[in-house]
Each structure stands twice: as structure tokens, then as C-alpha cells.
């Protein structure tokens, strides 16, 4: 391995996904043999109680030389856990790139190094995202556009003719086999340039779950660090293991309150109160019409329970929902902070992490 090979810190936030986390680390262990990169990993157990079993696996596999396990003092959400990992990685590893990776993933050979090579050869790009396949090997070829009034209109009405007319603004993009710029991609495998983190900070911890990587990519784009989709980097993603929102469902379930809270925060943060309220007005009208159509067609099983009620309850149209709490994206360790002591796979890292956050 070359001493000049780029350093990659892989950050994995896990919540009740111990077995999958170990499988993910096993796939990363094979990647460490690639001479194009120097790879280390930070696993953050988001107070799920899985830390002991993950620590035992790290010891059993003799991974403690390159894997650090941090135990978060609370389950502060996906952004919170990743920011803890970013802080530790930047303090300990001095990485060129930080790779956000879900615990329910298995990286295919060369997936990590491919993202590094792409970013090395495209210095104007801030984020590179992998392509995905499902557990059965089928391709999941999607990336996304930033949510907007038109994407809310299309998703609410769900009419084929209208969807085709609004295809340049629909949320989901079907991707091909070439690398190309995108608005945002799945945080299940997202490599971030170190200088981007220095410029805009980490994820906004005000999002508990969902929309945090969308808002992060929006801030990155505004700061001059766009994201690209890199299909040559392939990752298997099982998906939805820690939450019932994105996993395979036979019955459509009610969305949790934090989904609506995150949605509102995204629109407030990216467009302000007036625009967020207008988008909510369009969304409520579109979903009401779409719900009526499904009802008349006898497709009531396709209606998300209580969606309109929950959308209104959390809407920026309501006065009490119009204020935007300050973003919480700071995670970096200051240049004058004392060095962090080494952390083995069983070390309780709570105090270290809190020192990072308060420095």
C-alpha cells in the first residue's frame, strides 16, 4: 500500500443492526487490500444496545487495528450519529474522504476505491454516490431531484399523464450506466470530500431521520460542491432494516411524525416560510385529489393512512409550525483541541464524543 494513497474514513451508524453491521465490515475488510486506498472505519452504535456484540465481533475478527466502535450516549438520529463519526474520523484519521455507509449494505469489490478515483479525477465534485442492488441481485437504479412544489404536485395526484409531463421535476430519477451529476443520492453509500466538510460542516442534527442527506446535498450544491452518481461503484443495500418506512411492506402504514417534521424542516430551511407554506398548500390539494381518485377506483389499499391529517398537523401553513430552529451541523474539532486518546473496540467513547462536540 502506497504511503500516498488517499485515506478514507468509513462512518457507519447502526441501530439494532448488529449482524448486518458485521457483514458490512466484513465486506470492507476485503476492500482494505486494495492498494489504491487506506481504509479505516468508525462504527457508531446509536444507543441501541448492540455495542457489546459488535465489539465481540471486532475482536474475534481481529479488526481492532482499523475499526473503532463508538457508543453514542443517546439515539439522536441518523445525522447525530454520523456527526459523531465525522468528528472522531477527522480527529484521528486525517482522511481525504469520509464515506457514509449504511450498516445494511455490502460493498462490492472495488466500490470504495472507485469513488475515491472519481473524486480524485473530478476536483470540482464534492460528493460521489454509489449505485445499488437489492438483496436478490436486482438493480436499484435511482437517484433524486430536490423536492419542490412540482414534485409534490406529481406525487400527490399520481396521474400517469401528468407524471410524464412533469418528468423533469419528479423526485425520482431512473439512472443509466454513465456517471452524471444529480441533486442528491441515497446516504446508504455517499463519499464526501474532506474540504466540503470543512466548508459547510456536517449533517443537520435537527433532522432525526429522513431529509438530512437531501438538505446536506442542497447546502453542498450552494457551496459549489455538487454530487455525482457513479454507477461503477456498486453496493448491495437491503434497505429499511432499522425503520418501517422504507422497508418492504405488504400493507402501507402510517408515516411517523418525525418524517413530517423532517419534511417541513427541509422546505423551511431551503425556501423559507412563504415558499414552504405554498408547497404545503399544493401538496394538501394534490393528495386530497389523489386520495379521492384512489377511493373511487377501489384502490384504497394504496392510500397512506392519515397522510392528509398528519401533513396538515405538521404543515408550515400553521402559525405554530412556521419557525425554523437553528441548524446543528457543527462537529469539527478545533485546531487547539487536545489529541483524542486511542479507542479500542470496547472503549466507552461517550466522554470523547462529548468533548468533540463542546470543543
Foldseek 3Di string as FASTA:
>chain_A
DDPPAFEEEEEEEDAPLQVLLLQQVVLVVVQCVDPNYHYAYEYEDQQRPNLVVNLVSCVVVVVQVRYAYEYAPHLLADQVRVLLSVAVCCQPPVGQKYKYAYSQKRWDHPLVSLQVVVCVVVVLAFKEFEWEAEPVRHGDQKAFAQDALLQLLCVQQVDPVSCVVCVVHHTIDGDDQAKDFHQFGDSNIMMGGPVLCVVPFTFFSVQRDPCRRNLSSVVCVVVRHTYMYHHVGYMYGNDDPVHPQTHDDPFAEADDLSHLLSVLLSCCVPPNLVRQQVSLVSNLVSNVNNCVVCVVVVNNSPRYPCVSVSSVVQGSVDVVNRDHDDTDRHQYADPPDDRDDDGGSPDHCHVVSVSRSVD
